[in-house]
Amino acid sequence: PSNRTSKNLPATSYYINMSTVKIITWNVRGLQSERLRRKKVLFLQKLDYDIMCLQELRLKTNEGTGELIKLWGPSHSVISIGEDSADGVGFFFKNTHVNIIKTRDIIPGWLLLVDCHYGGQKFRLINVYTAPKRTKKMQLLEKMRQLLECGFNTVLCEDFNIVTEENDRFASTTFKESREGKLLTQICKDASLRDLYIILNPQTTHYTRFDSASKTRIDRIYISSKISALRYNDFVTELSDHKVGRATILCGTDPELPK
């Protein structure tokens, strides 16, 4: 492995029962249309992944989520929908070899938690999509803070609609660190969560969403300290103005999940 990767490997004791997991995170910009839902699901199913985290599903009814689950096939999926026109998050697993221990719909459509055994490892998976309004972002971040002290492998996939540093954006306006950006940084620091892209690319300016006026890095994957970041890449697709992010992580045995 490269020097960069080897620096991120856990201590020797964690080489027992190690496994790699491939994770995809993507803001799909809506699956409410039957035509687009089918087109995007077929596109996603061709990708190489173990766990997929999708944001902004825009599904408003149980019928809509049922149709998505049916289209996805026999593999496990966990979906949360809310009342906002642009919310909805979900986890989709490549196969049925996952033991879902607990799901918590913390804020419907915005904040979803799954505790599971997968690939011989124990995970807390958190999927986040936040509203543009600051008050809602702050409320969500405070709730999320309470979920991070669990003592085992934690993966946080999200579109926070938040930038935390000046080089997270390219725009005509002057950068000013927001209250929610400061809070997100502090929460991750307190929980020893690390920005996976930055681990592998500490000096690189990078963007994950594009529009006519700006570029931003608002789509991220955070990992807990006992997880190693091996690879990250992303790519543009005509199906969304957000890039599809793909990461490979290495995990070792962690303490038992709480009952």
C-alpha atoms as a PDB file:
ATOM      1  CA  PRO A   1       0.000   0.000   0.000  1.00  0.00           C
ATOM      2  CA  SER A   2       0.987   3.667  -0.386  1.00  0.00           C
ATOM      3  CA  ASN A   3       2.564   5.584   2.471  1.00  0.00           C
ATOM      4  CA  ARG A   4      -0.596   7.651   2.824  1.00  0.00           C
ATOM      5  CA  THR A   5      -2.741   4.556   3.304  1.00  0.00           C
ATOM      6  CA  SER A   6      -0.350   2.858   5.690  1.00  0.00           C
ATOM      7  CA  LYS A   7      -0.358   5.886   7.975  1.00  0.00           C
ATOM      8  CA  ASN A   8      -4.088   5.480   8.399  1.00  0.00           C
ATOM      9  CA  LEU A   9      -4.032   1.783   9.294  1.00  0.00           C
ATOM     10  CA  PRO A  10      -5.170   0.924  12.826  1.00  0.00           C
ATOM     11  CA  ALA A  11      -3.001  -0.623  15.523  1.00  0.00           C
ATOM     12  CA  THR A  12      -1.678  -4.164  15.091  1.00  0.00           C
ATOM     13  CA  SER A  13      -4.311  -5.665  17.381  1.00  0.00           C
ATOM     14  CA  TYR A  14      -6.967  -4.623  14.883  1.00  0.00           C
ATOM     15  CA  TYR A  15      -5.608  -6.847  12.123  1.00  0.00           C
ATOM     16  CA  ILE A  16      -7.713  -9.622  13.612  1.00  0.00           C
ATOM     17  CA  ASN A  17     -10.947  -9.991  11.643  1.00  0.00           C
ATOM     18  CA  MET A  18     -10.324  -7.059   9.303  1.00  0.00           C
ATOM     19  CA  SER A  19     -12.573  -6.380   6.349  1.00  0.00           C
ATOM     20  CA  THR A  20     -12.954  -3.755   3.639  1.00  0.00           C
ATOM     21  CA  VAL A  21     -16.287  -2.091   2.967  1.00  0.00           C
ATOM     22  CA  LYS A  22     -17.205  -0.024  -0.099  1.00  0.00           C
ATOM     23  CA  ILE A  23     -19.532   2.891   0.553  1.00  0.00           C
ATOM     24  CA  ILE A  24     -21.340   5.189  -1.862  1.00  0.00           C
ATOM     25  CA  THR A  25     -22.990   8.481  -0.903  1.00  0.00           C
ATOM     26  CA  TRP A  26     -25.081  10.521  -3.324  1.00  0.00           C
ATOM     27  CA  ASN A  27     -27.739  13.220  -3.345  1.00  0.00           C
ATOM     28  CA  VAL A  28     -30.040  11.788  -6.018  1.00  0.00           C
ATOM     29  CA  ARG A  29     -32.161  14.951  -6.449  1.00  0.00           C
ATOM     30  CA  GLY A  30     -35.407  13.043  -6.279  1.00  0.00           C
ATOM     31  CA  LEU A  31     -36.849   9.600  -6.965  1.00  0.00           C
ATOM     32  CA  GLN A  32     -40.506  10.636  -6.982  1.00  0.00           C
ATOM     33  CA  SER A  33     -40.969  10.222 -10.736  1.00  0.00           C
ATOM     34  CA  GLU A  34     -41.424   6.589 -11.783  1.00  0.00           C
ATOM     35  CA  ARG A  35     -39.319   7.121 -14.909  1.00  0.00           C
ATOM     36  CA  LEU A  36     -36.424   8.796 -13.089  1.00  0.00           C
ATOM     37  CA  ARG A  37     -36.660   6.363 -10.175  1.00  0.00           C
ATOM     38  CA  ARG A  38     -36.201   3.411 -12.488  1.00  0.00           C
ATOM     39  CA  LYS A  39     -33.413   5.135 -14.418  1.00  0.00           C
ATOM     40  CA  LYS A  40     -31.456   6.125 -11.297  1.00  0.00           C
ATOM     41  CA  VAL A  41     -31.902   2.780  -9.535  1.00  0.00           C
ATOM     42  CA  LEU A  42     -30.678   0.867 -12.583  1.00  0.00           C
ATOM     43  CA  PHE A  43     -27.678   3.208 -12.737  1.00  0.00           C
ATOM     44  CA  LEU A  44     -26.889   2.700  -9.039  1.00  0.00           C
ATOM     45  CA  GLN A  45     -27.247  -1.074  -9.095  1.00  0.00           C
ATOM     46  CA  LYS A  46     -24.453  -1.310 -11.652  1.00  0.00           C
ATOM     47  CA  LEU A  47     -21.968   0.360  -9.295  1.00  0.00           C
ATOM     48  CA  ASP A  48     -19.520  -1.515  -7.073  1.00  0.00           C
ATOM     49  CA  TYR A  49     -20.586  -1.008  -3.468  1.00  0.00           C
ATOM     50  CA  ASP A  50     -21.519  -2.704  -0.190  1.00  0.00           C
ATOM     51  CA  ILE A  51     -23.511   0.072   1.466  1.00  0.00           C
ATOM     52  CA  MET A  52     -25.196   2.941  -0.351  1.00  0.00           C
ATOM     53  CA  CYS A  53     -26.356   6.145   1.352  1.00  0.00           C
ATOM     54  CA  LEU A  54     -28.772   8.295  -0.644  1.00  0.00           C
ATOM     55  CA  GLN A  55     -30.106  11.759   0.163  1.00  0.00           C
ATOM     56  CA  GLU A  56     -32.990  13.910  -1.112  1.00  0.00           C
ATOM     57  CA  LEU A  57     -35.199  11.018  -2.203  1.00  0.00           C
ATOM     58  CA  ARG A  58     -38.262  13.332  -2.321  1.00  0.00           C
ATOM     59  CA  LEU A  59     -40.665  10.448  -1.695  1.00  0.00           C
ATOM     60  CA  LYS A  60     -43.820  11.529   0.133  1.00  0.00           C
ATOM     61  CA  THR A  61     -45.871   8.352   0.650  1.00  0.00           C
ATOM     62  CA  ASN A  62     -45.423   4.799   1.890  1.00  0.00           C
ATOM     63  CA  GLU A  63     -46.535   3.727  -1.569  1.00  0.00           C
ATOM     64  CA  GLY A  64     -43.569   5.577  -3.063  1.00  0.00           C
ATOM     65  CA  THR A  65     -41.085   3.994  -0.667  1.00  0.00           C
ATOM     66  CA  GLY A  66     -42.651   0.583  -1.260  1.00  0.00           C
ATOM     67  CA  GLU A  67     -42.181   0.956  -5.004  1.00  0.00           C
ATOM     68  CA  LEU A  68     -38.535   1.934  -4.485  1.00  0.00           C
ATOM     69  CA  ILE A  69     -37.873  -1.048  -2.196  1.00  0.00           C
ATOM     70  CA  LYS A  70     -39.536  -3.393  -4.683  1.00  0.00           C
ATOM     71  CA  LEU A  71     -37.488  -1.965  -7.544  1.00  0.00           C
ATOM     72  CA  TRP A  72     -34.291  -2.322  -5.523  1.00  0.00           C
ATOM     73  CA  GLY A  73     -34.860  -6.054  -5.112  1.00  0.00           C
ATOM     74  CA  PRO A  74     -34.315  -8.515  -2.243  1.00  0.00           C
ATOM     75  CA  SER A  75     -31.361  -6.697  -0.664  1.00  0.00           C
ATOM     76  CA  HIS A  76     -32.006  -4.855   2.599  1.00  0.00           C
ATOM     77  CA  SER A  77     -32.985  -1.187   2.538  1.00  0.00           C
ATOM     78  CA  VAL A  78     -34.004   1.327   5.210  1.00  0.00           C
ATOM     79  CA  ILE A  79     -35.759   4.533   4.136  1.00  0.00           C
ATOM     80  CA  SER A  80     -36.898   7.648   5.993  1.00  0.00           C
ATOM     81  CA  ILE A  81     -39.288  10.195   4.494  1.00  0.00           C
ATOM     82  CA  GLY A  82     -40.569  13.456   5.953  1.00  0.00           C
ATOM     83  CA  GLU A  83     -42.902  16.330   5.158  1.00  0.00           C
ATOM     84  CA  ASP A  84     -40.521  18.664   3.347  1.00  0.00           C
ATOM     85  CA  SER A  85     -40.610  18.692  -0.454  1.00  0.00           C
ATOM     86  CA  ALA A  86     -36.878  17.942  -0.762  1.00  0.00           C
ATOM     87  CA  ASP A  87     -36.148  15.540   2.083  1.00  0.00           C
ATOM     88  CA  GLY A  88     -35.754  11.762   2.307  1.00  0.00           C
ATOM     89  CA  VAL A  89     -32.728   9.592   3.119  1.00  0.00           C
ATOM     90  CA  GLY A  90     -32.044   5.887   2.823  1.00  0.00           C
ATOM     91  CA  PHE A  91     -29.559   3.049   3.249  1.00  0.00           C
ATOM     92  CA  PHE A  92     -29.350   0.340   0.590  1.00  0.00           C
ATOM     93  CA  PHE A  93     -27.248  -2.789   1.012  1.00  0.00           C
ATOM     94  CA  LYS A  94     -25.751  -4.734  -1.878  1.00  0.00           C
ATOM     95  CA  ASN A  95     -26.889  -8.100  -0.545  1.00  0.00           C
ATOM     96  CA  THR A  96     -28.830  -9.688   2.287  1.00  0.00           C
ATOM     97  CA  HIS A  97     -25.729 -10.509   4.365  1.00  0.00           C
ATOM     98  CA  VAL A  98     -26.474  -7.798   6.901  1.00  0.00           C
ATOM     99  CA  ASN A  99     -27.968  -8.154  10.351  1.00  0.00           C
ATOM    100  CA  ILE A 100     -29.855  -4.966  11.153  1.00  0.00           C
ATOM    101  CA  ILE A 101     -29.991  -4.643  14.920  1.00  0.00           C
ATOM    102  CA  LYS A 102     -31.684  -1.295  15.307  1.00  0.00           C
ATOM    103  CA  THR A 103     -33.062   1.531  13.169  1.00  0.00           C
ATOM    104  CA  ARG A 104     -33.966   4.967  14.474  1.00  0.00           C
ATOM    105  CA  ASP A 105     -35.783   7.554  12.408  1.00  0.00           C
ATOM    106  CA  ILE A 106     -34.438  10.467  14.444  1.00  0.00           C
ATOM    107  CA  ILE A 107     -35.799  13.277  12.245  1.00  0.00           C
ATOM    108  CA  PRO A 108     -37.993  11.827   9.463  1.00  0.00           C
ATOM    109  CA  GLY A 109     -36.485  12.572   6.083  1.00  0.00           C
ATOM    110  CA  TRP A 110     -33.392  14.222   7.553  1.00  0.00           C
ATOM    111  CA  LEU A 111     -31.572  12.037  10.080  1.00  0.00           C
ATOM    112  CA  LEU A 112     -31.592   8.226   9.946  1.00  0.00           C
ATOM    113  CA  LEU A 113     -29.573   5.766  12.054  1.00  0.00           C
ATOM    114  CA  VAL A 114     -28.926   2.060  11.510  1.00  0.00           C
ATOM    115  CA  ASP A 115     -26.941  -0.203  13.852  1.00  0.00           C
ATOM    116  CA  CYS A 116     -25.917  -3.406  12.098  1.00  0.00           C
ATOM    117  CA  HIS A 117     -23.457  -6.255  11.664  1.00  0.00           C
ATOM    118  CA  TYR A 118     -21.984  -6.285   8.161  1.00  0.00           C
ATOM    119  CA  GLY A 119     -18.930  -8.034   6.732  1.00  0.00           C
ATOM    120  CA  GLY A 120     -18.052  -9.388  10.159  1.00  0.00           C
ATOM    121  CA  GLN A 121     -18.046  -5.877  11.645  1.00  0.00           C
ATOM    122  CA  LYS A 122     -20.356  -3.820  13.811  1.00  0.00           C
ATOM    123  CA  PHE A 123     -21.425  -0.434  12.497  1.00  0.00           C
ATOM    124  CA  ARG A 124     -23.397   2.602  13.408  1.00  0.00           C
ATOM    125  CA  LEU A 125     -24.465   4.127  10.092  1.00  0.00           C
ATOM    126  CA  ILE A 126     -25.888   7.647  10.028  1.00  0.00           C
ATOM    127  CA  ASN A 127     -27.373   9.294   6.946  1.00  0.00           C
ATOM    128  CA  VAL A 128     -28.062  13.032   6.971  1.00  0.00           C
ATOM    129  CA  TYR A 129     -29.688  15.589   4.713  1.00  0.00           C
ATOM    130  CA  THR A 130     -30.271  19.078   6.094  1.00  0.00           C
ATOM    131  CA  ALA A 131     -32.571  21.913   5.168  1.00  0.00           C
ATOM    132  CA  PRO A 132     -31.182  25.275   4.037  1.00  0.00           C
ATOM    133  CA  LYS A 133     -32.636  27.013   7.130  1.00  0.00           C
ATOM    134  CA  ARG A 134     -30.058  27.613   9.867  1.00  0.00           C
ATOM    135  CA  THR A 135     -32.397  26.877  12.787  1.00  0.00           C
ATOM    136  CA  LYS A 136     -33.245  23.432  11.420  1.00  0.00           C
ATOM    137  CA  LYS A 137     -29.577  22.692  10.755  1.00  0.00           C
ATOM    138  CA  MET A 138     -28.619  23.597  14.300  1.00  0.00           C
ATOM    139  CA  GLN A 139     -31.398  21.426  15.747  1.00  0.00           C
ATOM    140  CA  LEU A 140     -30.341  18.490  13.593  1.00  0.00           C
ATOM    141  CA  LEU A 141     -26.674  18.834  14.526  1.00  0.00           C
ATOM    142  CA  GLU A 142     -27.504  18.847  18.239  1.00  0.00           C
ATOM    143  CA  LYS A 143     -29.539  15.662  17.836  1.00  0.00           C
ATOM    144  CA  MET A 144     -26.780  14.074  15.758  1.00  0.00           C
ATOM    145  CA  ARG A 145     -24.214  14.856  18.456  1.00  0.00           C
ATOM    146  CA  GLN A 146     -26.042  12.497  20.833  1.00  0.00           C
ATOM    147  CA  LEU A 147     -25.692   9.563  18.410  1.00  0.00           C
ATOM    148  CA  LEU A 148     -21.915   9.594  18.013  1.00  0.00           C
ATOM    149  CA  GLU A 149     -20.671   8.303  21.356  1.00  0.00           C
ATOM    150  CA  CYS A 150     -21.350   4.615  20.783  1.00  0.00           C
ATOM    151  CA  GLY A 151     -17.908   2.990  21.036  1.00  0.00           C
ATOM    152  CA  PHE A 152     -17.885   1.093  17.742  1.00  0.00           C
ATOM    153  CA  ASN A 153     -17.380   1.676  13.996  1.00  0.00           C
ATOM    154  CA  THR A 154     -19.283   4.803  12.945  1.00  0.00           C
ATOM    155  CA  VAL A 155     -19.825   5.994   9.376  1.00  0.00           C
ATOM    156  CA  LEU A 156     -21.603   9.291   8.748  1.00  0.00           C
ATOM    157  CA  CYS A 157     -22.713  10.033   5.176  1.00  0.00           C
ATOM    158  CA  GLU A 158     -24.318  13.357   4.531  1.00  0.00           C
ATOM    159  CA  ASP A 159     -25.299  16.355   2.522  1.00  0.00           C
ATOM    160  CA  PHE A 160     -25.232  18.931   5.305  1.00  0.00           C
ATOM    161  CA  ASN A 161     -25.585  21.938   2.989  1.00  0.00           C
ATOM    162  CA  ILE A 162     -22.717  23.280   5.112  1.00  0.00           C
ATOM    163  CA  VAL A 163     -19.155  24.270   4.306  1.00  0.00           C
ATOM    164  CA  THR A 164     -16.609  24.385   7.119  1.00  0.00           C
ATOM    165  CA  GLU A 165     -13.596  26.033   5.461  1.00  0.00           C
ATOM    166  CA  GLU A 166     -12.959  28.655   2.806  1.00  0.00           C
ATOM    167  CA  ASN A 167     -11.590  26.121   0.316  1.00  0.00           C
ATOM    168  CA  ASP A 168     -14.839  24.118   0.551  1.00  0.00           C
ATOM    169  CA  ARG A 169     -16.438  26.589  -1.840  1.00  0.00           C
ATOM    170  CA  PHE A 170     -15.854  28.681  -4.934  1.00  0.00           C
ATOM    171  CA  ALA A 171     -18.208  31.646  -5.171  1.00  0.00           C
ATOM    172  CA  SER A 172     -18.328  35.382  -5.839  1.00  0.00           C
ATOM    173  CA  THR A 173     -19.288  36.155  -2.231  1.00  0.00           C
ATOM    174  CA  THR A 174     -16.797  36.394   0.641  1.00  0.00           C
ATOM    175  CA  PHE A 175     -16.516  33.315   2.850  1.00  0.00           C
ATOM    176  CA  LYS A 176     -17.645  33.656   6.451  1.00  0.00           C
ATOM    177  CA  GLU A 177     -17.702  30.642   8.734  1.00  0.00           C
ATOM    178  CA  SER A 178     -21.276  30.018   9.833  1.00  0.00           C
ATOM    179  CA  ARG A 179     -22.518  29.021  13.274  1.00  0.00           C
ATOM    180  CA  GLU A 180     -23.598  25.666  11.908  1.00  0.00           C
ATOM    181  CA  GLY A 181     -20.202  25.151  10.256  1.00  0.00           C
ATOM    182  CA  LYS A 182     -18.444  25.809  13.562  1.00  0.00           C
ATOM    183  CA  LEU A 183     -20.820  23.449  15.371  1.00  0.00           C
ATOM    184  CA  LEU A 184     -20.299  20.656  12.838  1.00  0.00           C
ATOM    185  CA  THR A 185     -16.522  20.991  13.163  1.00  0.00           C
ATOM    186  CA  GLN A 186     -16.713  20.891  16.961  1.00  0.00           C
ATOM    187  CA  ILE A 187     -19.078  17.894  17.024  1.00  0.00           C
ATOM    188  CA  CYS A 188     -16.803  15.873  14.753  1.00  0.00           C
ATOM    189  CA  LYS A 189     -13.756  16.827  16.813  1.00  0.00           C
ATOM    190  CA  ASP A 190     -15.438  15.839  20.084  1.00  0.00           C
ATOM    191  CA  ALA A 191     -16.520  12.481  18.626  1.00  0.00           C
ATOM    192  CA  SER A 192     -13.141  11.830  16.906  1.00  0.00           C
ATOM    193  CA  LEU A 193     -14.873  11.669  13.529  1.00  0.00           C
ATOM    194  CA  ARG A 194     -12.613  12.352  10.553  1.00  0.00           C
ATOM    195  CA  ASP A 195     -13.435  13.686   7.109  1.00  0.00           C
ATOM    196  CA  LEU A 196     -12.547  10.761   4.847  1.00  0.00           C
ATOM    197  CA  TYR A 197     -11.699  12.871   1.810  1.00  0.00           C
ATOM    198  CA  ILE A 198      -9.359  15.105   3.826  1.00  0.00           C
ATOM    199  CA  ILE A 199      -7.573  12.084   5.328  1.00  0.00           C
ATOM    200  CA  LEU A 200      -6.528  11.006   1.835  1.00  0.00           C
ATOM    201  CA  ASN A 201      -6.250  14.447   0.207  1.00  0.00           C
ATOM    202  CA  PRO A 202      -5.203  16.949   2.892  1.00  0.00           C
ATOM    203  CA  GLN A 203      -3.899  19.582   0.467  1.00  0.00           C
ATOM    204  CA  THR A 204      -6.435  19.289  -2.349  1.00  0.00           C
ATOM    205  CA  THR A 205      -9.243  21.707  -3.175  1.00  0.00           C
ATOM    206  CA  HIS A 206     -12.282  19.707  -4.201  1.00  0.00           C
ATOM    207  CA  TYR A 207     -15.998  20.218  -4.924  1.00  0.00           C
ATOM    208  CA  THR A 208     -18.957  17.840  -4.959  1.00  0.00           C
ATOM    209  CA  ARG A 209     -21.823  20.066  -6.091  1.00  0.00           C
ATOM    210  CA  PHE A 210     -21.984  22.506  -8.971  1.00  0.00           C
ATOM    211  CA  ASP A 211     -24.442  25.177 -10.099  1.00  0.00           C
ATOM    212  CA  SER A 212     -24.224  28.233 -12.314  1.00  0.00           C
ATOM    213  CA  ALA A 213     -22.960  30.509  -9.537  1.00  0.00           C
ATOM    214  CA  SER A 214     -20.828  28.375  -7.240  1.00  0.00           C
ATOM    215  CA  LYS A 215     -19.056  25.113  -6.425  1.00  0.00           C
ATOM    216  CA  THR A 216     -19.116  23.527  -2.977  1.00  0.00           C
ATOM    217  CA  ARG A 217     -17.928  20.472  -1.039  1.00  0.00           C
ATOM    218  CA  ILE A 218     -21.089  19.738   0.930  1.00  0.00           C
ATOM    219  CA  ASP A 219     -21.310  15.969   0.329  1.00  0.00           C
ATOM    220  CA  ARG A 220     -19.059  14.118   2.756  1.00  0.00           C
ATOM    221  CA  ILE A 221     -18.248  10.878   4.543  1.00  0.00           C
ATOM    222  CA  TYR A 222     -16.983  10.982   8.127  1.00  0.00           C
ATOM    223  CA  ILE A 223     -15.477   7.926   9.820  1.00  0.00           C
ATOM    224  CA  SER A 224     -14.584   7.072  13.416  1.00  0.00           C
ATOM    225  CA  SER A 225     -10.996   6.753  14.582  1.00  0.00           C
ATOM    226  CA  LYS A 226     -10.723   2.950  14.351  1.00  0.00           C
ATOM    227  CA  ILE A 227     -11.717   2.919  10.672  1.00  0.00           C
ATOM    228  CA  SER A 228      -9.013   3.348   8.020  1.00  0.00           C
ATOM    229  CA  ALA A 229      -9.618   5.303   4.826  1.00  0.00           C
ATOM    230  CA  LEU A 230      -8.179   3.377   1.870  1.00  0.00           C
ATOM    231  CA  ARG A 231      -9.609   5.046  -1.236  1.00  0.00           C
ATOM    232  CA  TYR A 232     -11.950   7.801  -2.349  1.00  0.00           C
ATOM    233  CA  ASN A 233     -13.112   8.919  -5.761  1.00  0.00           C
ATOM    234  CA  ASP A 234     -16.187  10.613  -7.147  1.00  0.00           C
ATOM    235  CA  PHE A 235     -17.664  11.369 -10.523  1.00  0.00           C
ATOM    236  CA  VAL A 236     -20.204  13.585 -12.249  1.00  0.00           C
ATOM    237  CA  THR A 237     -23.409  12.201 -13.724  1.00  0.00           C
ATOM    238  CA  GLU A 238     -26.169  13.873 -15.718  1.00  0.00           C
ATOM    239  CA  LEU A 239     -28.684  12.478 -13.209  1.00  0.00           C
ATOM    240  CA  SER A 240     -27.851  15.037 -10.469  1.00  0.00           C
ATOM    241  CA  ASP A 241     -25.865  18.214  -9.841  1.00  0.00           C
ATOM    242  CA  HIS A 242     -24.115  16.352  -6.996  1.00  0.00           C
ATOM    243  CA  LYS A 243     -21.217  13.990  -7.629  1.00  0.00           C
ATOM    244  CA  VAL A 244     -21.450  10.317  -6.708  1.00  0.00           C
ATOM    245  CA  GLY A 245     -18.910   9.735  -3.922  1.00  0.00           C
ATOM    246  CA  ARG A 246     -17.259   6.314  -3.505  1.00  0.00           C
ATOM    247  CA  ALA A 247     -15.038   5.259  -0.611  1.00  0.00           C
ATOM    248  CA  THR A 248     -13.321   2.077   0.542  1.00  0.00           C
ATOM    249  CA  ILE A 249     -12.697   1.679   4.255  1.00  0.00           C
ATOM    250  CA  LEU A 250     -10.933  -0.928   6.394  1.00  0.00           C
ATOM    251  CA  CYS A 251     -12.484  -1.984   9.690  1.00  0.00           C
ATOM    252  CA  GLY A 252     -11.518  -4.211  12.594  1.00  0.00           C
ATOM    253  CA  THR A 253     -13.360  -5.868  15.440  1.00  0.00           C
ATOM    254  CA  ASP A 254     -14.986  -3.390  17.804  1.00  0.00           C
ATOM    255  CA  PRO A 255     -16.869  -3.670  21.109  1.00  0.00           C
ATOM    256  CA  GLU A 256     -20.357  -5.167  21.148  1.00  0.00           C
ATOM    257  CA  LEU A 257     -23.299  -3.032  20.139  1.00  0.00           C
ATOM    258  CA  PRO A 258     -25.371  -1.741  23.041  1.00  0.00           C
ATOM    259  CA  LYS A 259     -28.592  -3.619  23.636  1.00  0.00           C
END
